[in-house]
Amino acid sequence: MAMAKGSSVGMNSSKQSGVMGMLREAMYIPSRNKKLMLPVMLVAFLPSSLLSIGNYISIYPLLLNFIINLYLLSSKEPSTPQFYNLLLQIKEDAEVFVHVDIIFGAASYMVSFFSMMIIVYSSAVIYSGKQLTPKDLFQKIKGTWKRPFVTRIYFTLLFVGYTVTSVCLIAILMLNAHGSMVLIVLGALLALLARLLYVYLGMVWMMGLVISVLEDDCYGMEALEKAGHLVKGRRAQGFLIAVVFLMIDGVLTGGYGFGITRFQSDLVTHQATGLVVLNILLLLKMFSQMVYTVFYYECNKSHGREIQVSGDFTYTRVSVTSSDGEVLP
């Protein structure tokens, strides 16, 4: 397959890529097979974009009305009928908000999952230099989605468990500080360490998802555990990749928040800007999935393993021994 000018040979090269090299390789992926990537990008992006727009349009007025009613409630006497009516309205708004959020949350979970599968698999096919039609790609995904979905559920459970545990520990420390600067500083340091650890774990768990998409009979906790072994020796690079995307995300969302508070503009302008930022973040997420796919191949290469695509488009392991003699699971 013809490569983009200036790119490397992809997975067939024996030279290991650094972080910038992997980012560059991922950027070249769409140009290597436009016939495959164009429909893939549209199928992956449009449903997520439309869902995000629908969520934003639905939630924004509900949230705004909720805040306005809370403000009005603070100015009313508790014994008046107006206070009671506002309280009922706030309760109703909260119920509608929760129901809408649950519906869009569930839909977004499924759409983002299938988008991830499509992006990872198509990126792997192109990066490995193989030819595949969109029809074959979607047929393959149709038959293999259950494995990655199980892994995604484990990913979600681990994320929720880690978040709840870290927040509880930080909250306990802060609530018992009683003005003690030592405990406050310790709480802040714990929060920072918890965030950094999550960035690393998120990278490993994402690699587990990539493994469950690309390798047969490896999913769930097995895929997540294997990801931990796979990134061995390249953990710093994986962590740096995760930090890069976290920083870009922070700049975009922080810049949008700063713009809203700093510049006075009408509601329509705020909403339009918010939708633009949302779509940019979606594209960033898709690009990050391409990068993690490249990182998957680079990690295998560093362990002396080669991943190939067989005739039925299933990824198989050719070598299972790492460069230092360790046998990977």
C-alpha atoms as a PDB file:
ATOM      1  CA  MET A   1       0.000   0.000   0.000  1.00  0.00           C
ATOM      2  CA  ALA A   2       1.269   3.465  -0.834  1.00  0.00           C
ATOM      3  CA  MET A   3       2.381   5.414   2.209  1.00  0.00           C
ATOM      4  CA  ALA A   4       2.051   9.131   2.739  1.00  0.00           C
ATOM      5  CA  LYS A   5       5.128  11.044   1.752  1.00  0.00           C
ATOM      6  CA  GLY A   6       7.528  11.538   4.616  1.00  0.00           C
ATOM      7  CA  SER A   7       6.053   8.796   6.760  1.00  0.00           C
ATOM      8  CA  SER A   8       7.839   5.747   7.957  1.00  0.00           C
ATOM      9  CA  VAL A   9       7.115   2.225   6.919  1.00  0.00           C
ATOM     10  CA  GLY A  10       4.792   1.649   9.849  1.00  0.00           C
ATOM     11  CA  MET A  11       4.826  -1.645  11.654  1.00  0.00           C
ATOM     12  CA  ASN A  12       7.190  -3.295   9.190  1.00  0.00           C
ATOM     13  CA  SER A  13      10.066  -1.091  10.316  1.00  0.00           C
ATOM     14  CA  SER A  14      12.407  -2.518  12.942  1.00  0.00           C
ATOM     15  CA  LYS A  15      13.086   0.968  14.294  1.00  0.00           C
ATOM     16  CA  GLN A  16      11.077   1.837  17.391  1.00  0.00           C
ATOM     17  CA  SER A  17       9.226   5.148  17.353  1.00  0.00           C
ATOM     18  CA  GLY A  18       9.168   7.732  20.117  1.00  0.00           C
ATOM     19  CA  VAL A  19       6.096   9.671  21.208  1.00  0.00           C
ATOM     20  CA  MET A  20       6.388  12.242  18.415  1.00  0.00           C
ATOM     21  CA  GLY A  21       6.992   9.457  15.909  1.00  0.00           C
ATOM     22  CA  MET A  22       3.827   7.639  17.010  1.00  0.00           C
ATOM     23  CA  LEU A  23       1.794  10.849  16.842  1.00  0.00           C
ATOM     24  CA  ARG A  24       3.134  11.443  13.339  1.00  0.00           C
ATOM     25  CA  GLU A  25       2.384   7.861  12.275  1.00  0.00           C
ATOM     26  CA  ALA A  26      -1.191   8.197  13.537  1.00  0.00           C
ATOM     27  CA  MET A  27      -1.631  11.450  11.601  1.00  0.00           C
ATOM     28  CA  TYR A  28      -0.607   9.672   8.383  1.00  0.00           C
ATOM     29  CA  ILE A  29      -3.068   6.790   8.829  1.00  0.00           C
ATOM     30  CA  PRO A  30      -6.129   8.459   7.181  1.00  0.00           C
ATOM     31  CA  SER A  31      -4.111   9.468   4.104  1.00  0.00           C
ATOM     32  CA  ARG A  32      -2.834   5.922   3.517  1.00  0.00           C
ATOM     33  CA  ASN A  33      -6.247   4.526   2.643  1.00  0.00           C
ATOM     34  CA  LYS A  34      -8.771   7.294   2.012  1.00  0.00           C
ATOM     35  CA  LYS A  35     -11.341   4.884   0.568  1.00  0.00           C
ATOM     36  CA  LEU A  36     -11.514   3.051   3.880  1.00  0.00           C
ATOM     37  CA  MET A  37     -10.964   5.912   6.311  1.00  0.00           C
ATOM     38  CA  LEU A  38     -13.467   8.367   4.805  1.00  0.00           C
ATOM     39  CA  PRO A  39     -16.557   6.192   5.464  1.00  0.00           C
ATOM     40  CA  VAL A  40     -15.029   5.031   8.746  1.00  0.00           C
ATOM     41  CA  MET A  41     -14.515   8.600   9.958  1.00  0.00           C
ATOM     42  CA  LEU A  42     -18.041   9.557   8.914  1.00  0.00           C
ATOM     43  CA  VAL A  43     -19.614   6.534  10.619  1.00  0.00           C
ATOM     44  CA  ALA A  44     -17.533   7.097  13.754  1.00  0.00           C
ATOM     45  CA  PHE A  45     -17.910  10.878  13.900  1.00  0.00           C
ATOM     46  CA  LEU A  46     -21.429  11.754  12.721  1.00  0.00           C
ATOM     47  CA  PRO A  47     -23.462   9.686  15.254  1.00  0.00           C
ATOM     48  CA  SER A  48     -21.264  10.897  18.124  1.00  0.00           C
ATOM     49  CA  SER A  49     -21.480  14.485  16.905  1.00  0.00           C
ATOM     50  CA  LEU A  50     -25.260  14.429  16.455  1.00  0.00           C
ATOM     51  CA  LEU A  51     -25.689  12.784  19.853  1.00  0.00           C
ATOM     52  CA  SER A  52     -23.468  15.393  21.517  1.00  0.00           C
ATOM     53  CA  ILE A  53     -25.371  18.203  19.814  1.00  0.00           C
ATOM     54  CA  GLY A  54     -28.694  16.708  20.893  1.00  0.00           C
ATOM     55  CA  ASN A  55     -27.447  16.281  24.444  1.00  0.00           C
ATOM     56  CA  TYR A  56     -26.097  19.830  24.564  1.00  0.00           C
ATOM     57  CA  ILE A  57     -29.290  21.353  23.151  1.00  0.00           C
ATOM     58  CA  SER A  58     -31.468  19.319  25.541  1.00  0.00           C
ATOM     59  CA  ILE A  59     -29.426  19.742  28.722  1.00  0.00           C
ATOM     60  CA  TYR A  60     -28.439  23.405  28.386  1.00  0.00           C
ATOM     61  CA  PRO A  61     -31.959  24.944  28.703  1.00  0.00           C
ATOM     62  CA  LEU A  62     -32.885  22.496  31.477  1.00  0.00           C
ATOM     63  CA  LEU A  63     -29.781  23.393  33.455  1.00  0.00           C
ATOM     64  CA  LEU A  64     -30.280  27.110  32.839  1.00  0.00           C
ATOM     65  CA  ASN A  65     -33.909  26.944  33.993  1.00  0.00           C
ATOM     66  CA  PHE A  66     -32.854  24.940  37.061  1.00  0.00           C
ATOM     67  CA  ILE A  67     -30.274  27.576  38.051  1.00  0.00           C
ATOM     68  CA  ILE A  68     -32.739  30.438  37.513  1.00  0.00           C
ATOM     69  CA  ASN A  69     -35.346  28.754  39.709  1.00  0.00           C
ATOM     70  CA  LEU A  70     -32.755  28.157  42.430  1.00  0.00           C
ATOM     71  CA  TYR A  71     -31.868  31.846  42.339  1.00  0.00           C
ATOM     72  CA  LEU A  72     -35.535  32.858  42.532  1.00  0.00           C
ATOM     73  CA  LEU A  73     -36.101  30.404  45.385  1.00  0.00           C
ATOM     74  CA  SER A  74     -33.441  32.120  47.493  1.00  0.00           C
ATOM     75  CA  SER A  75     -35.369  35.393  47.290  1.00  0.00           C
ATOM     76  CA  LYS A  76     -38.729  33.962  48.438  1.00  0.00           C
ATOM     77  CA  GLU A  77     -40.033  33.426  51.943  1.00  0.00           C
ATOM     78  CA  PRO A  78     -40.387  29.706  52.798  1.00  0.00           C
ATOM     79  CA  SER A  79     -43.953  30.227  54.016  1.00  0.00           C
ATOM     80  CA  THR A  80     -45.243  31.702  50.725  1.00  0.00           C
ATOM     81  CA  PRO A  81     -47.049  29.806  47.922  1.00  0.00           C
ATOM     82  CA  GLN A  82     -44.445  31.110  45.437  1.00  0.00           C
ATOM     83  CA  PHE A  83     -41.699  29.330  47.384  1.00  0.00           C
ATOM     84  CA  TYR A  84     -43.631  26.049  47.326  1.00  0.00           C
ATOM     85  CA  ASN A  85     -44.391  26.353  43.585  1.00  0.00           C
ATOM     86  CA  LEU A  86     -40.740  27.064  42.810  1.00  0.00           C
ATOM     87  CA  LEU A  87     -39.709  24.078  44.931  1.00  0.00           C
ATOM     88  CA  LEU A  88     -42.041  21.820  42.940  1.00  0.00           C
ATOM     89  CA  GLN A  89     -40.698  23.253  39.683  1.00  0.00           C
ATOM     90  CA  ILE A  90     -37.107  22.637  40.766  1.00  0.00           C
ATOM     91  CA  LYS A  91     -37.986  19.046  41.714  1.00  0.00           C
ATOM     92  CA  GLU A  92     -39.635  18.520  38.324  1.00  0.00           C
ATOM     93  CA  ASP A  93     -36.676  20.083  36.466  1.00  0.00           C
ATOM     94  CA  ALA A  94     -34.243  17.880  38.395  1.00  0.00           C
ATOM     95  CA  GLU A  95     -36.191  14.719  37.515  1.00  0.00           C
ATOM     96  CA  VAL A  96     -36.347  15.650  33.822  1.00  0.00           C
ATOM     97  CA  PHE A  97     -32.641  16.534  33.867  1.00  0.00           C
ATOM     98  CA  VAL A  98     -31.709  13.154  35.381  1.00  0.00           C
ATOM     99  CA  HIS A  99     -33.901  11.203  32.930  1.00  0.00           C
ATOM    100  CA  VAL A 100     -32.536  13.050  29.894  1.00  0.00           C
ATOM    101  CA  ASP A 101     -28.980  12.652  31.157  1.00  0.00           C
ATOM    102  CA  ILE A 102     -29.435   8.892  31.668  1.00  0.00           C
ATOM    103  CA  ILE A 103     -30.874   8.437  28.164  1.00  0.00           C
ATOM    104  CA  PHE A 104     -28.126  10.413  26.462  1.00  0.00           C
ATOM    105  CA  GLY A 105     -25.481   8.849  28.706  1.00  0.00           C
ATOM    106  CA  ALA A 106     -26.492   5.301  27.749  1.00  0.00           C
ATOM    107  CA  ALA A 107     -26.717   6.205  24.057  1.00  0.00           C
ATOM    108  CA  SER A 108     -23.353   7.973  24.190  1.00  0.00           C
ATOM    109  CA  TYR A 109     -21.763   4.950  25.897  1.00  0.00           C
ATOM    110  CA  MET A 110     -22.828   2.616  23.093  1.00  0.00           C
ATOM    111  CA  VAL A 111     -22.046   5.030  20.254  1.00  0.00           C
ATOM    112  CA  SER A 112     -18.580   5.839  21.625  1.00  0.00           C
ATOM    113  CA  PHE A 113     -17.891   2.111  22.059  1.00  0.00           C
ATOM    114  CA  PHE A 114     -18.693   1.225  18.446  1.00  0.00           C
ATOM    115  CA  SER A 115     -16.838   4.329  17.264  1.00  0.00           C
ATOM    116  CA  MET A 116     -13.772   3.146  19.197  1.00  0.00           C
ATOM    117  CA  MET A 117     -13.991  -0.322  17.636  1.00  0.00           C
ATOM    118  CA  ILE A 118     -14.258   1.072  14.114  1.00  0.00           C
ATOM    119  CA  ILE A 119     -11.359   3.497  14.550  1.00  0.00           C
ATOM    120  CA  VAL A 120      -9.027   0.991  16.235  1.00  0.00           C
ATOM    121  CA  TYR A 121      -9.655  -1.820  13.777  1.00  0.00           C
ATOM    122  CA  SER A 122      -9.420   0.321  10.635  1.00  0.00           C
ATOM    123  CA  SER A 123      -6.277   2.036  11.963  1.00  0.00           C
ATOM    124  CA  ALA A 124      -4.686  -1.356  12.648  1.00  0.00           C
ATOM    125  CA  VAL A 125      -5.527  -2.641   9.178  1.00  0.00           C
ATOM    126  CA  ILE A 126      -4.052   0.447   7.500  1.00  0.00           C
ATOM    127  CA  TYR A 127      -1.014   0.652   9.785  1.00  0.00           C
ATOM    128  CA  SER A 128      -0.175  -3.006   9.107  1.00  0.00           C
ATOM    129  CA  GLY A 129      -0.305  -2.330   5.358  1.00  0.00           C
ATOM    130  CA  LYS A 130      -3.319  -4.547   4.639  1.00  0.00           C
ATOM    131  CA  GLN A 131      -6.234  -3.862   2.288  1.00  0.00           C
ATOM    132  CA  LEU A 132      -9.796  -4.024   3.546  1.00  0.00           C
ATOM    133  CA  THR A 133     -13.095  -2.720   2.191  1.00  0.00           C
ATOM    134  CA  PRO A 134     -15.555  -0.843   4.442  1.00  0.00           C
ATOM    135  CA  LYS A 135     -18.037  -3.701   3.988  1.00  0.00           C
ATOM    136  CA  ASP A 136     -15.506  -6.282   5.206  1.00  0.00           C
ATOM    137  CA  LEU A 137     -14.563  -4.030   8.114  1.00  0.00           C
ATOM    138  CA  PHE A 138     -18.118  -3.599   9.367  1.00  0.00           C
ATOM    139  CA  GLN A 139     -18.807  -7.311   8.863  1.00  0.00           C
ATOM    140  CA  LYS A 140     -15.776  -8.164  11.013  1.00  0.00           C
ATOM    141  CA  ILE A 141     -16.832  -5.736  13.743  1.00  0.00           C
ATOM    142  CA  LYS A 142     -20.354  -7.150  13.691  1.00  0.00           C
ATOM    143  CA  GLY A 143     -18.964 -10.570  14.582  1.00  0.00           C
ATOM    144  CA  THR A 144     -16.454  -9.520  17.250  1.00  0.00           C
ATOM    145  CA  TRP A 145     -18.016  -6.651  19.224  1.00  0.00           C
ATOM    146  CA  LYS A 146     -18.856  -8.745  22.298  1.00  0.00           C
ATOM    147  CA  ARG A 147     -15.229  -9.195  23.409  1.00  0.00           C
ATOM    148  CA  PRO A 148     -14.370  -5.480  23.481  1.00  0.00           C
ATOM    149  CA  PHE A 149     -17.736  -4.704  25.065  1.00  0.00           C
ATOM    150  CA  VAL A 150     -16.936  -6.968  28.025  1.00  0.00           C
ATOM    151  CA  THR A 151     -13.575  -5.219  28.354  1.00  0.00           C
ATOM    152  CA  ARG A 152     -15.291  -1.834  28.182  1.00  0.00           C
ATOM    153  CA  ILE A 153     -17.577  -2.822  31.061  1.00  0.00           C
ATOM    154  CA  TYR A 154     -14.550  -3.823  33.172  1.00  0.00           C
ATOM    155  CA  PHE A 155     -12.917  -0.515  32.196  1.00  0.00           C
ATOM    156  CA  THR A 156     -16.005   1.379  33.386  1.00  0.00           C
ATOM    157  CA  LEU A 157     -16.238  -0.542  36.670  1.00  0.00           C
ATOM    158  CA  LEU A 158     -12.555   0.052  37.404  1.00  0.00           C
ATOM    159  CA  PHE A 159     -12.931   3.744  36.581  1.00  0.00           C
ATOM    160  CA  VAL A 160     -15.951   4.140  38.870  1.00  0.00           C
ATOM    161  CA  GLY A 161     -14.283   2.174  41.663  1.00  0.00           C
ATOM    162  CA  TYR A 162     -11.052   4.147  41.413  1.00  0.00           C
ATOM    163  CA  THR A 163     -12.886   7.491  41.294  1.00  0.00           C
ATOM    164  CA  VAL A 164     -15.100   6.724  44.299  1.00  0.00           C
ATOM    165  CA  THR A 165     -12.172   5.390  46.349  1.00  0.00           C
ATOM    166  CA  SER A 166      -9.845   8.315  45.610  1.00  0.00           C
ATOM    167  CA  VAL A 167     -12.550  10.950  46.167  1.00  0.00           C
ATOM    168  CA  CYS A 168     -13.546   9.364  49.495  1.00  0.00           C
ATOM    169  CA  LEU A 169      -9.940   9.240  50.724  1.00  0.00           C
ATOM    170  CA  ILE A 170      -9.305  12.864  49.744  1.00  0.00           C
ATOM    171  CA  ALA A 171     -12.623  13.996  51.267  1.00  0.00           C
ATOM    172  CA  ILE A 172     -11.904  12.221  54.569  1.00  0.00           C
ATOM    173  CA  LEU A 173      -8.494  13.880  54.777  1.00  0.00           C
ATOM    174  CA  MET A 174      -9.853  17.331  53.943  1.00  0.00           C
ATOM    175  CA  LEU A 175     -12.854  17.093  56.280  1.00  0.00           C
ATOM    176  CA  ASN A 176     -10.569  16.193  59.165  1.00  0.00           C
ATOM    177  CA  ALA A 177      -8.040  18.919  58.385  1.00  0.00           C
ATOM    178  CA  HIS A 178      -9.765  21.504  60.663  1.00  0.00           C
ATOM    179  CA  GLY A 179      -7.579  24.269  59.265  1.00  0.00           C
ATOM    180  CA  SER A 180      -4.336  22.290  59.508  1.00  0.00           C
ATOM    181  CA  MET A 181      -2.103  23.380  56.620  1.00  0.00           C
ATOM    182  CA  VAL A 182      -0.186  20.108  56.798  1.00  0.00           C
ATOM    183  CA  LEU A 183      -3.327  18.020  56.212  1.00  0.00           C
ATOM    184  CA  ILE A 184      -4.584  20.424  53.540  1.00  0.00           C
ATOM    185  CA  VAL A 185      -1.278  20.175  51.664  1.00  0.00           C
ATOM    186  CA  LEU A 186      -1.313  16.391  52.059  1.00  0.00           C
ATOM    187  CA  GLY A 187      -4.854  16.321  50.685  1.00  0.00           C
ATOM    188  CA  ALA A 188      -3.817  18.431  47.699  1.00  0.00           C
ATOM    189  CA  LEU A 189      -0.814  16.185  47.047  1.00  0.00           C
ATOM    190  CA  LEU A 190      -3.012  13.098  47.334  1.00  0.00           C
ATOM    191  CA  ALA A 191      -5.446  14.604  44.823  1.00  0.00           C
ATOM    192  CA  LEU A 192      -2.581  15.331  42.413  1.00  0.00           C
ATOM    193  CA  LEU A 193      -1.127  11.832  42.791  1.00  0.00           C
ATOM    194  CA  ALA A 194      -4.582  10.284  42.329  1.00  0.00           C
ATOM    195  CA  ARG A 195      -5.035  12.253  39.119  1.00  0.00           C
ATOM    196  CA  LEU A 196      -1.619  11.305  37.760  1.00  0.00           C
ATOM    197  CA  LEU A 197      -2.180   7.650  38.647  1.00  0.00           C
ATOM    198  CA  TYR A 198      -5.525   7.722  36.843  1.00  0.00           C
ATOM    199  CA  VAL A 199      -3.849   9.162  33.734  1.00  0.00           C
ATOM    200  CA  TYR A 200      -1.480   6.184  33.746  1.00  0.00           C
ATOM    201  CA  LEU A 201      -4.193   3.617  34.511  1.00  0.00           C
ATOM    202  CA  GLY A 202      -6.447   5.126  31.840  1.00  0.00           C
ATOM    203  CA  MET A 203      -3.660   4.614  29.310  1.00  0.00           C
ATOM    204  CA  VAL A 204      -3.226   0.961  30.344  1.00  0.00           C
ATOM    205  CA  TRP A 205      -6.979   0.321  30.281  1.00  0.00           C
ATOM    206  CA  MET A 206      -7.226   1.900  26.833  1.00  0.00           C
ATOM    207  CA  MET A 207      -4.500  -0.462  25.651  1.00  0.00           C
ATOM    208  CA  GLY A 208      -6.604  -3.291  27.074  1.00  0.00           C
ATOM    209  CA  LEU A 209      -9.481  -2.175  24.860  1.00  0.00           C
ATOM    210  CA  VAL A 210      -7.188  -2.114  21.830  1.00  0.00           C
ATOM    211  CA  ILE A 211      -6.014  -5.646  22.659  1.00  0.00           C
ATOM    212  CA  SER A 212      -9.586  -6.919  22.979  1.00  0.00           C
ATOM    213  CA  VAL A 213     -10.438  -5.428  19.560  1.00  0.00           C
ATOM    214  CA  LEU A 214      -7.385  -6.771  17.742  1.00  0.00           C
ATOM    215  CA  GLU A 215      -6.666 -10.130  19.386  1.00  0.00           C
ATOM    216  CA  ASP A 216      -8.914 -13.176  19.458  1.00  0.00           C
ATOM    217  CA  ASP A 217      -9.836 -14.784  22.781  1.00  0.00           C
ATOM    218  CA  CYS A 218      -8.382 -11.991  24.894  1.00  0.00           C
ATOM    219  CA  TYR A 219     -10.884  -9.751  26.616  1.00  0.00           C
ATOM    220  CA  GLY A 220     -12.150  -8.589  29.992  1.00  0.00           C
ATOM    221  CA  MET A 221      -9.683  -8.603  32.875  1.00  0.00           C
ATOM    222  CA  GLU A 222      -7.313 -10.781  30.856  1.00  0.00           C
ATOM    223  CA  ALA A 223      -6.948  -8.025  28.246  1.00  0.00           C
ATOM    224  CA  LEU A 224      -6.468  -5.336  30.899  1.00  0.00           C
ATOM    225  CA  GLU A 225      -3.837  -7.429  32.696  1.00  0.00           C
ATOM    226  CA  LYS A 226      -2.083  -8.172  29.426  1.00  0.00           C
ATOM    227  CA  ALA A 227      -2.006  -4.448  28.665  1.00  0.00           C
ATOM    228  CA  GLY A 228      -0.061  -3.904  31.879  1.00  0.00           C
ATOM    229  CA  HIS A 229       2.558  -6.431  30.708  1.00  0.00           C
ATOM    230  CA  LEU A 230       2.565  -5.079  27.158  1.00  0.00           C
ATOM    231  CA  VAL A 231       3.468  -1.499  28.097  1.00  0.00           C
ATOM    232  CA  LYS A 232       6.364  -2.724  30.246  1.00  0.00           C
ATOM    233  CA  GLY A 233       9.478  -0.891  29.122  1.00  0.00           C
ATOM    234  CA  ARG A 234       7.440   1.859  27.449  1.00  0.00           C
ATOM    235  CA  ARG A 235       5.308   3.038  30.346  1.00  0.00           C
ATOM    236  CA  ALA A 236       6.854   6.517  30.270  1.00  0.00           C
ATOM    237  CA  GLN A 237       5.956   6.907  26.596  1.00  0.00           C
ATOM    238  CA  GLY A 238       2.408   5.714  27.194  1.00  0.00           C
ATOM    239  CA  PHE A 239       2.038   8.069  30.145  1.00  0.00           C
ATOM    240  CA  LEU A 240       3.377  10.964  28.067  1.00  0.00           C
ATOM    241  CA  ILE A 241       0.897  10.212  25.280  1.00  0.00           C
ATOM    242  CA  ALA A 242      -1.945  10.301  27.816  1.00  0.00           C
ATOM    243  CA  VAL A 243      -0.626  13.574  29.285  1.00  0.00           C
ATOM    244  CA  VAL A 244      -0.431  15.181  25.827  1.00  0.00           C
ATOM    245  CA  PHE A 245      -4.095  14.442  25.125  1.00  0.00           C
ATOM    246  CA  LEU A 246      -5.083  15.514  28.641  1.00  0.00           C
ATOM    247  CA  MET A 247      -3.324  18.853  28.154  1.00  0.00           C
ATOM    248  CA  ILE A 248      -4.945  19.476  24.764  1.00  0.00           C
ATOM    249  CA  ASP A 249      -8.338  18.637  26.257  1.00  0.00           C
ATOM    250  CA  GLY A 250      -7.641  20.999  29.165  1.00  0.00           C
ATOM    251  CA  VAL A 251      -6.614  23.840  26.849  1.00  0.00           C
ATOM    252  CA  LEU A 252      -9.785  23.466  24.764  1.00  0.00           C
ATOM    253  CA  THR A 253     -12.245  23.166  27.649  1.00  0.00           C
ATOM    254  CA  GLY A 254     -10.398  25.714  29.791  1.00  0.00           C
ATOM    255  CA  GLY A 255     -10.204  28.154  26.898  1.00  0.00           C
ATOM    256  CA  TYR A 256     -13.928  27.781  26.270  1.00  0.00           C
ATOM    257  CA  GLY A 257     -14.729  28.351  29.952  1.00  0.00           C
ATOM    258  CA  PHE A 258     -12.433  31.377  30.080  1.00  0.00           C
ATOM    259  CA  GLY A 259     -14.018  32.806  26.937  1.00  0.00           C
ATOM    260  CA  ILE A 260     -17.519  32.531  28.400  1.00  0.00           C
ATOM    261  CA  THR A 261     -16.572  34.353  31.607  1.00  0.00           C
ATOM    262  CA  ARG A 262     -14.227  36.879  29.981  1.00  0.00           C
ATOM    263  CA  PHE A 263     -16.185  37.944  26.899  1.00  0.00           C
ATOM    264  CA  GLN A 264     -19.810  38.993  27.078  1.00  0.00           C
ATOM    265  CA  SER A 265     -21.805  37.503  24.201  1.00  0.00           C
ATOM    266  CA  ASP A 266     -25.321  36.240  23.538  1.00  0.00           C
ATOM    267  CA  LEU A 267     -26.607  32.757  24.338  1.00  0.00           C
ATOM    268  CA  VAL A 268     -26.552  31.622  20.705  1.00  0.00           C
ATOM    269  CA  THR A 269     -22.845  32.476  20.408  1.00  0.00           C
ATOM    270  CA  HIS A 270     -22.071  30.547  23.596  1.00  0.00           C
ATOM    271  CA  GLN A 271     -23.976  27.508  22.344  1.00  0.00           C
ATOM    272  CA  ALA A 272     -22.394  27.622  18.881  1.00  0.00           C
ATOM    273  CA  THR A 273     -18.905  27.899  20.381  1.00  0.00           C
ATOM    274  CA  GLY A 274     -19.656  25.060  22.772  1.00  0.00           C
ATOM    275  CA  LEU A 275     -20.769  22.808  19.912  1.00  0.00           C
ATOM    276  CA  VAL A 276     -17.592  23.588  17.963  1.00  0.00           C
ATOM    277  CA  VAL A 277     -15.462  22.696  20.994  1.00  0.00           C
ATOM    278  CA  LEU A 278     -17.449  19.473  21.504  1.00  0.00           C
ATOM    279  CA  ASN A 279     -16.824  18.376  17.920  1.00  0.00           C
ATOM    280  CA  ILE A 280     -13.122  19.200  18.154  1.00  0.00           C
ATOM    281  CA  LEU A 281     -12.938  17.064  21.313  1.00  0.00           C
ATOM    282  CA  LEU A 282     -14.643  14.203  19.462  1.00  0.00           C
ATOM    283  CA  LEU A 283     -12.052  14.401  16.677  1.00  0.00           C
ATOM    284  CA  LEU A 284      -9.308  14.526  19.305  1.00  0.00           C
ATOM    285  CA  LYS A 285     -10.705  11.366  20.916  1.00  0.00           C
ATOM    286  CA  MET A 286     -10.744   9.584  17.559  1.00  0.00           C
ATOM    287  CA  PHE A 287      -7.151  10.629  16.909  1.00  0.00           C
ATOM    288  CA  SER A 288      -6.108   9.388  20.365  1.00  0.00           C
ATOM    289  CA  GLN A 289      -7.530   5.959  19.482  1.00  0.00           C
ATOM    290  CA  MET A 290      -5.367   5.912  16.350  1.00  0.00           C
ATOM    291  CA  VAL A 291      -2.329   6.812  18.455  1.00  0.00           C
ATOM    292  CA  TYR A 292      -3.021   4.037  20.981  1.00  0.00           C
ATOM    293  CA  THR A 293      -3.343   1.574  18.095  1.00  0.00           C
ATOM    294  CA  VAL A 294       0.107   2.606  16.848  1.00  0.00           C
ATOM    295  CA  PHE A 295       1.396   2.380  20.428  1.00  0.00           C
ATOM    296  CA  TYR A 296       0.036  -1.178  20.630  1.00  0.00           C
ATOM    297  CA  TYR A 297       2.163  -2.199  17.646  1.00  0.00           C
ATOM    298  CA  GLU A 298       5.207  -0.368  18.979  1.00  0.00           C
ATOM    299  CA  CYS A 299       4.907  -2.130  22.345  1.00  0.00           C
ATOM    300  CA  ASN A 300       4.692  -5.508  20.627  1.00  0.00           C
ATOM    301  CA  LYS A 301       7.715  -4.589  18.523  1.00  0.00           C
ATOM    302  CA  SER A 302       9.728  -3.695  21.629  1.00  0.00           C
ATOM    303  CA  HIS A 303       8.953  -7.177  23.037  1.00  0.00           C
ATOM    304  CA  GLY A 304      10.123  -8.880  19.841  1.00  0.00           C
ATOM    305  CA  ARG A 305       6.596  -9.759  18.776  1.00  0.00           C
ATOM    306  CA  GLU A 306       4.949  -9.235  15.414  1.00  0.00           C
ATOM    307  CA  ILE A 307       1.224  -8.847  14.838  1.00  0.00           C
ATOM    308  CA  GLN A 308      -0.192  -9.801  11.447  1.00  0.00           C
ATOM    309  CA  VAL A 309      -3.608  -9.854   9.841  1.00  0.00           C
ATOM    310  CA  SER A 310      -4.682 -13.265   8.618  1.00  0.00           C
ATOM    311  CA  GLY A 311      -7.021 -13.978   5.729  1.00  0.00           C
ATOM    312  CA  ASP A 312     -10.164 -13.673   7.840  1.00  0.00           C
ATOM    313  CA  PHE A 313      -8.896 -10.375   9.229  1.00  0.00           C
ATOM    314  CA  THR A 314      -8.105 -11.849  12.647  1.00  0.00           C
ATOM    315  CA  TYR A 315      -4.958 -10.623  14.374  1.00  0.00           C
ATOM    316  CA  THR A 316      -2.573 -13.367  15.382  1.00  0.00           C
ATOM    317  CA  ARG A 317       0.667 -13.446  17.360  1.00  0.00           C
ATOM    318  CA  VAL A 318       3.699 -14.638  15.456  1.00  0.00           C
ATOM    319  CA  SER A 319       6.249 -14.435  18.283  1.00  0.00           C
ATOM    320  CA  VAL A 320       5.567 -14.527  22.005  1.00  0.00           C
ATOM    321  CA  THR A 321       9.019 -13.944  23.456  1.00  0.00           C
ATOM    322  CA  SER A 322      10.127 -10.461  24.438  1.00  0.00           C
ATOM    323  CA  SER A 323      13.509  -8.978  23.605  1.00  0.00           C
ATOM    324  CA  ASP A 324      14.759  -9.669  27.137  1.00  0.00           C
ATOM    325  CA  GLY A 325      13.710 -13.309  27.042  1.00  0.00           C
ATOM    326  CA  GLU A 326      10.473 -12.884  29.019  1.00  0.00           C
ATOM    327  CA  VAL A 327       7.472 -14.807  27.742  1.00  0.00           C
ATOM    328  CA  LEU A 328       4.431 -12.560  27.620  1.00  0.00           C
ATOM    329  CA  PRO A 329       0.989 -13.816  28.604  1.00  0.00           C
END
